[in-house]
Amino acid sequence: MSIESAQRIVLGGVEAVRVVEYQGPFRSARVLVPDSPAELWRDNADWLAPDHWDPSSDLAVMALQTWVLRSGGRTVLVDTGVGDGRERPDTPEFHQRKGRFLERLAEVGVHPEDVDVVVNTHLHADHVGWNTRADGDGWVPTFPNAQYLLPAADDLHFGPRGGYGRGVLADDRLVYEDSVAPLHRAGQAVLWDGTHVIDRDLTLESAPGHTPGSAVLRLASGTDRAVFVGDLLHSPVQFVDPSCSSCFCLDPQQAAASRRRILERAADLGELVLPAHLGGPGAAEVRRRGTGFSVSHRSTV
C-alpha cells in the first residue's frame, strides 16, 4: 500500500477509513519485540514479508495511521499519529517530522472542524501528535469542535501528577505538554476509566499493560464486530505468540495478559482485529491455534 493512500471498510452502519501518516521499515525485529526468537520470524516469513518484515535487513515494517470512523452521524478519529514539528529527542523517527496528515484527512473529506470525537488509545507520542497544532509560540487543539477521550490512568501517569512518566524519557514531558495539556486548557479533554460508551456501536475498554491506561475500541454494528486494539500488538508475530510484548510496553506481563484476553475474545466472537501499526491490509481475522492464533488478512478497499 502506498503511504499516500487511504483505505476503507464498512462494518455494519460504521464506515472506517484508514489514513496513513507513514509506512516503512522501523526497528530491528527483535529490538521491537525483544522476546521473539529469530525462528518465529523465519518460520512465518511467507506472510510477514514484505508488509510486516524485511528479511534482508531484519527490520520490522510498521505503519503510523489514523482510523476515521463515521458512526451515528458523527466523525470519530482513532489516534492522531506523530504530528509535525515536535521535539522528540528520544525518538529520532518522530523528531521534527513534516508530513501531509491534514491534507490526507482532507482527501477523504475530513476537515478539522468536522471532527466530533478524538480517541487516544493511549498517550504515547505516535498516538497523540495531531491532537494539537502550532499556534504562534504554543499549541492549540487541531480539532476545535471535538471531544478528546483520554484514558485517565495514562493522563495521571504521563501528566505532572505522575511525574511525566516518572522521568524515564524526556519525550514524555514534551508529549504531554504539547499534545495533551492544551486539550485540558481548552476544556476539550474527557478522562475515562474502565469502559466508556461513545455511541450505540462504539465502546472503549481498558486493556492495560502497554501503558497504564491503554485501551481498545470495540465496534458492534449489525452483525459485524471489530476491535481497534491500538498498541496491543506492534507486529503480527504477536498473534502467533501473544506472550511476546514490544520494547515499548511499560508492563510486559500485563500487556501480554491483555493481549491474550482481547485476542481470545476476537477469535470467539469473530471480531476483526485492527492494530494501530499493522501495515499491508491493515486488518486481521484470528482463529485459535495452539497457544496462539492463526491469522488471515482482510483488505480494506
Protein backbone atom coordinates (compact mmCIF):
# COMPACT_ATOMS: atom_id res chain seq x y z
CA MET A 1 0.00 0.00 0.00
CA SER A 2 1.27 3.46 -0.87
CA ILE A 3 1.68 5.77 2.10
CA GLU A 4 -0.21 8.32 0.01
CA SER A 5 -3.35 6.23 0.02
CA ALA A 6 -6.29 5.80 2.34
CA GLN A 7 -8.35 2.62 2.56
CA ARG A 8 -11.95 2.00 3.51
CA ILE A 9 -14.05 -0.74 5.06
CA VAL A 10 -17.73 -0.77 6.06
CA LEU A 11 -18.70 -2.58 9.27
CA GLY A 12 -22.45 -2.62 9.79
CA GLY A 13 -23.52 1.01 9.90
CA VAL A 14 -19.99 2.31 10.51
CA GLU A 15 -17.59 3.37 7.78
CA ALA A 16 -13.89 3.12 8.67
CA VAL A 17 -11.25 4.87 6.57
CA ARG A 18 -7.55 4.38 7.22
CA VAL A 19 -5.35 7.45 6.76
CA VAL A 20 -1.64 6.62 6.78
CA GLU A 21 0.91 9.12 8.06
CA TYR A 22 3.93 6.85 7.41
CA GLN A 23 4.62 3.25 6.44
CA GLY A 24 8.01 1.60 6.14
CA PRO A 25 10.94 -0.02 7.97
CA PHE A 26 11.20 0.97 11.62
CA ARG A 27 13.33 -1.04 14.06
CA SER A 28 15.13 -4.37 14.09
CA ALA A 29 12.58 -7.12 14.52
CA ARG A 30 13.90 -8.39 17.82
CA VAL A 31 14.58 -4.92 19.15
CA LEU A 32 10.91 -4.15 18.53
CA VAL A 33 9.70 -7.46 20.03
CA PRO A 34 12.56 -8.50 22.33
CA ASP A 35 11.19 -11.88 23.43
CA SER A 36 10.51 -13.09 19.89
CA PRO A 37 13.05 -15.70 18.74
CA ALA A 38 14.57 -15.47 15.28
CA GLU A 39 12.79 -18.64 14.20
CA LEU A 40 9.39 -17.08 14.94
CA TRP A 41 10.06 -14.56 12.18
CA ARG A 42 11.75 -17.04 9.81
CA ASP A 43 9.01 -19.66 10.16
CA ASN A 44 6.37 -17.08 9.23
CA ALA A 45 8.36 -15.22 6.59
CA ASP A 46 6.00 -16.28 3.79
CA TRP A 47 3.29 -13.95 5.10
CA LEU A 48 5.26 -11.47 7.22
CA ALA A 49 7.26 -10.26 4.19
CA PRO A 50 7.10 -7.71 2.73
CA ASP A 51 4.26 -5.91 4.56
CA HIS A 52 5.47 -6.56 8.12
CA TRP A 53 9.13 -7.59 7.90
CA ASP A 54 12.10 -7.18 5.58
CA PRO A 55 14.12 -10.42 5.96
CA SER A 56 17.16 -8.98 4.19
CA SER A 57 17.60 -6.18 6.74
CA ASP A 58 15.73 -7.83 9.64
CA LEU A 59 13.75 -4.61 10.04
CA ALA A 60 10.13 -4.69 11.12
CA VAL A 61 7.81 -2.74 8.83
CA MET A 62 5.24 -0.58 10.58
CA ALA A 63 2.59 1.98 9.79
CA LEU A 64 1.60 5.16 11.58
CA GLN A 65 -2.07 5.63 10.88
CA THR A 66 -5.38 7.06 12.00
CA TRP A 67 -8.77 5.41 11.57
CA VAL A 68 -11.58 7.77 10.64
CA LEU A 69 -14.93 6.34 11.75
CA ARG A 70 -18.26 7.71 10.57
CA SER A 71 -20.70 6.44 13.15
CA GLY A 72 -24.14 7.65 14.20
CA GLY A 73 -23.83 10.82 12.14
CA ARG A 74 -20.54 11.79 13.81
CA THR A 75 -16.87 11.68 12.77
CA VAL A 76 -14.55 9.88 15.17
CA LEU A 77 -10.75 9.73 14.88
CA VAL A 78 -8.90 6.82 16.46
CA ASP A 79 -5.40 8.06 17.36
CA THR A 80 -3.71 11.03 15.71
CA GLY A 81 -0.19 9.98 14.78
CA VAL A 82 3.09 11.78 15.36
CA GLY A 83 2.32 15.36 14.32
CA ASP A 84 4.59 17.93 12.74
CA GLY A 85 7.36 19.99 14.24
CA ARG A 86 7.57 18.11 17.54
CA GLU A 87 10.62 17.99 19.76
CA ARG A 88 11.19 14.25 20.26
CA PRO A 89 14.91 13.79 21.02
CA ASP A 90 14.38 10.28 22.43
CA THR A 91 12.79 9.11 19.16
CA PRO A 92 14.65 10.31 16.06
CA GLU A 93 11.97 8.87 13.78
CA PHE A 94 9.43 11.28 15.29
CA HIS A 95 11.67 14.31 15.81
CA GLN A 96 10.71 17.45 13.85
CA ARG A 97 8.69 15.50 11.30
CA LYS A 98 7.00 17.26 8.40
CA GLY A 99 4.15 15.48 6.65
CA ARG A 100 0.82 15.79 4.90
CA PHE A 101 -1.51 14.36 7.51
CA LEU A 102 -4.13 17.12 7.46
CA GLU A 103 -4.07 17.10 3.67
CA ARG A 104 -4.66 13.35 3.71
CA LEU A 105 -7.60 13.82 6.04
CA ALA A 106 -8.99 16.42 3.65
CA GLU A 107 -8.59 13.97 0.77
CA VAL A 108 -11.09 11.66 2.49
CA GLY A 109 -13.45 14.53 3.18
CA VAL A 110 -12.47 15.35 6.78
CA HIS A 111 -11.53 18.86 7.85
CA PRO A 112 -10.53 19.77 11.42
CA GLU A 113 -13.84 21.42 12.23
CA ASP A 114 -15.72 18.28 11.09
CA VAL A 115 -14.31 16.01 13.82
CA ASP A 116 -16.66 15.32 16.74
CA VAL A 117 -14.64 12.84 18.81
CA VAL A 118 -10.94 12.01 19.07
CA VAL A 119 -9.97 8.73 20.74
CA ASN A 120 -6.43 8.37 22.04
CA THR A 121 -6.00 4.66 22.76
CA HIS A 122 -3.05 5.71 24.94
CA LEU A 123 -0.79 8.73 25.33
CA HIS A 124 2.39 7.75 23.53
CA ALA A 125 3.92 10.22 21.06
CA ASP A 126 2.76 8.44 17.90
CA HIS A 127 -0.90 8.38 19.01
CA VAL A 128 -1.44 11.97 20.12
CA GLY A 129 0.69 14.13 17.83
CA TRP A 130 -2.07 15.69 15.75
CA ASN A 131 -4.22 16.32 18.83
CA THR A 132 -2.78 19.81 18.57
CA ARG A 133 -1.25 22.20 16.06
CA ALA A 134 1.21 25.05 16.41
CA ASP A 135 -0.29 28.46 17.06
CA GLY A 136 2.28 31.19 17.46
CA ASP A 137 4.60 30.12 20.25
CA GLY A 138 2.21 27.50 21.64
CA TRP A 139 -0.14 24.64 20.82
CA VAL A 140 -3.92 24.55 20.42
CA PRO A 141 -6.35 21.68 19.68
CA THR A 142 -6.28 20.76 15.99
CA PHE A 143 -9.95 19.76 16.07
CA PRO A 144 -11.77 22.73 17.63
CA ASN A 145 -15.19 21.08 17.94
CA ALA A 146 -14.02 17.68 19.17
CA GLN A 147 -14.30 15.93 22.49
CA TYR A 148 -10.95 14.24 23.19
CA LEU A 149 -11.30 10.93 25.06
CA LEU A 150 -8.17 10.24 27.14
CA PRO A 151 -7.54 7.22 29.39
CA ALA A 152 -7.49 8.60 32.92
CA ALA A 153 -4.69 6.25 34.03
CA ASP A 154 -2.44 7.49 31.23
CA ASP A 155 -3.27 11.11 31.92
CA LEU A 156 -2.21 10.57 35.52
CA HIS A 157 0.96 8.63 34.65
CA PHE A 158 2.19 10.95 31.89
CA GLY A 159 0.95 14.19 33.44
CA PRO A 160 2.50 16.34 36.15
CA ARG A 161 0.84 14.41 39.00
CA GLY A 162 2.59 11.26 37.80
CA GLY A 163 5.92 12.97 37.25
CA TYR A 164 5.57 12.93 33.45
CA GLY A 165 6.09 9.19 33.25
CA ARG A 166 8.37 9.29 36.30
CA GLY A 167 11.08 10.96 34.24
CA VAL A 168 12.04 7.81 32.34
CA LEU A 169 12.03 9.56 28.96
CA ALA A 170 12.48 13.26 28.28
CA ASP A 171 9.92 12.87 25.50
CA ASP A 172 7.15 12.00 27.96
CA ARG A 173 7.10 15.53 29.37
CA LEU A 174 7.32 17.05 25.89
CA VAL A 175 4.47 14.88 24.57
CA TYR A 176 2.20 15.77 27.46
CA GLU A 177 2.96 19.47 27.30
CA ASP A 178 2.47 19.91 23.55
CA SER A 179 -0.21 17.27 22.77
CA VAL A 180 -2.26 16.72 25.94
CA ALA A 181 -2.09 19.71 28.28
CA PRO A 182 -3.53 22.09 25.62
CA LEU A 183 -6.67 19.91 25.49
CA HIS A 184 -7.21 20.39 29.21
CA ARG A 185 -6.68 24.14 28.94
CA ALA A 186 -9.23 24.30 26.12
CA GLY A 187 -11.79 22.30 28.11
CA GLN A 188 -11.94 19.59 25.43
CA ALA A 189 -10.36 16.69 27.37
CA VAL A 190 -12.61 13.97 28.80
CA LEU A 191 -10.97 11.42 31.10
CA TRP A 192 -12.45 7.94 31.38
CA ASP A 193 -11.62 4.63 33.05
CA GLY A 194 -12.90 1.06 32.75
CA THR A 195 -15.34 1.43 29.86
CA HIS A 196 -16.77 4.41 28.01
CA VAL A 197 -19.69 4.30 25.58
CA ILE A 198 -19.25 6.62 22.60
CA ASP A 199 -22.45 5.62 20.83
CA ARG A 200 -24.55 2.50 20.36
CA ASP A 201 -21.90 0.98 18.03
CA LEU A 202 -18.63 2.08 19.69
CA THR A 203 -17.33 1.35 23.20
CA LEU A 204 -13.92 1.97 24.74
CA GLU A 205 -12.49 -0.63 27.12
CA SER A 206 -9.32 -0.59 29.22
CA ALA A 207 -6.61 -3.08 28.26
CA PRO A 208 -3.63 -2.01 30.38
CA GLY A 209 -0.01 -3.08 30.17
CA HIS A 210 1.44 -1.27 27.20
CA THR A 211 0.71 1.83 29.26
CA PRO A 212 -1.34 2.05 32.47
CA GLY A 213 -4.40 3.24 30.56
CA SER A 214 -4.04 1.50 27.20
CA ALA A 215 -7.42 0.89 25.63
CA VAL A 216 -9.18 -0.87 22.79
CA LEU A 217 -12.19 0.39 20.88
CA ARG A 218 -14.89 -2.22 20.26
CA LEU A 219 -17.28 -1.90 17.35
CA ALA A 220 -20.54 -3.84 17.23
CA SER A 221 -22.89 -2.79 14.43
CA GLY A 222 -25.50 -5.07 12.92
CA THR A 223 -23.84 -8.45 12.55
CA ASP A 224 -20.32 -7.02 12.22
CA ARG A 225 -17.78 -6.97 15.03
CA ALA A 226 -14.35 -5.34 15.16
CA VAL A 227 -11.82 -4.18 17.72
CA PHE A 228 -9.28 -1.40 17.23
CA VAL A 229 -6.51 -2.58 19.53
CA GLY A 230 -4.06 0.33 19.49
CA ASP A 231 -0.62 -0.88 20.57
CA LEU A 232 -1.80 -4.19 21.97
CA LEU A 233 0.23 -5.51 19.02
CA HIS A 234 3.14 -3.90 17.18
CA SER A 235 3.79 -6.84 14.86
CA PRO A 236 1.76 -9.80 13.58
CA VAL A 237 4.24 -12.18 15.24
CA GLN A 238 2.37 -11.31 18.43
CA PHE A 239 -0.71 -13.03 17.02
CA VAL A 240 1.34 -16.21 16.69
CA ASP A 241 2.89 -15.85 20.16
CA PRO A 242 0.85 -13.43 22.30
CA SER A 243 3.28 -13.77 25.19
CA CYS A 244 5.78 -11.55 23.33
CA SER A 245 5.48 -7.88 24.24
CA SER A 246 7.08 -4.95 22.46
CA CYS A 247 10.02 -2.95 23.73
CA PHE A 248 7.60 -0.06 24.33
CA CYS A 249 5.38 -1.90 26.82
CA LEU A 250 5.72 -0.45 30.32
CA ASP A 251 4.43 -3.66 31.95
CA PRO A 252 5.19 -6.51 29.51
CA GLN A 253 3.45 -9.22 31.55
CA GLN A 254 0.27 -7.22 31.98
CA ALA A 255 0.38 -6.28 28.28
CA ALA A 256 0.64 -9.97 27.34
CA ALA A 257 -2.34 -10.81 29.56
CA SER A 258 -4.43 -8.03 27.97
CA ARG A 259 -3.34 -9.13 24.50
CA ARG A 260 -4.36 -12.73 25.07
CA ARG A 261 -7.70 -11.74 26.59
CA ILE A 262 -8.61 -9.44 23.70
CA LEU A 263 -7.44 -11.89 21.02
CA GLU A 264 -9.29 -14.81 22.61
CA ARG A 265 -12.48 -12.80 22.58
CA ALA A 266 -11.87 -11.68 19.00
CA ALA A 267 -11.43 -15.30 17.91
CA ASP A 268 -14.52 -16.45 19.81
CA LEU A 269 -16.79 -13.60 18.62
CA GLY A 270 -15.40 -13.20 15.11
CA GLU A 271 -14.16 -9.67 15.77
CA LEU A 272 -11.98 -8.17 13.05
CA VAL A 273 -8.72 -7.01 14.66
CA LEU A 274 -7.26 -3.65 13.63
CA PRO A 275 -3.92 -2.81 15.29
CA ALA A 276 -2.55 0.73 15.19
CA HIS A 277 0.65 -0.17 13.36
CA LEU A 278 -0.35 -3.06 11.10
CA GLY A 279 0.75 -2.43 7.53
CA GLY A 280 -0.48 -4.25 4.45
CA PRO A 281 -4.22 -4.89 4.53
CA GLY A 282 -4.44 -3.26 7.96
CA ALA A 283 -6.90 -5.73 9.47
CA ALA A 284 -6.78 -9.38 10.50
CA GLU A 285 -9.17 -12.20 11.29
CA VAL A 286 -7.87 -14.50 14.02
CA ARG A 287 -8.54 -18.09 14.96
CA ARG A 288 -7.25 -20.04 17.95
CA ARG A 289 -4.26 -22.25 17.14
CA GLY A 290 -2.46 -23.99 19.98
CA THR A 291 -1.31 -21.39 22.50
CA GLY A 292 -1.50 -18.63 19.89
CA PHE A 293 -3.61 -17.63 16.92
CA SER A 294 -3.64 -18.09 13.19
CA VAL A 295 -4.18 -15.02 11.04
CA SER A 296 -5.90 -14.26 7.81
CA HIS A 297 -5.66 -10.73 6.45
CA ARG A 298 -8.61 -8.74 5.24
CA SER A 299 -8.01 -5.92 2.80
CA THR A 300 -9.76 -2.60 3.03
CA VAL A 301 -10.96 -1.21 -0.27
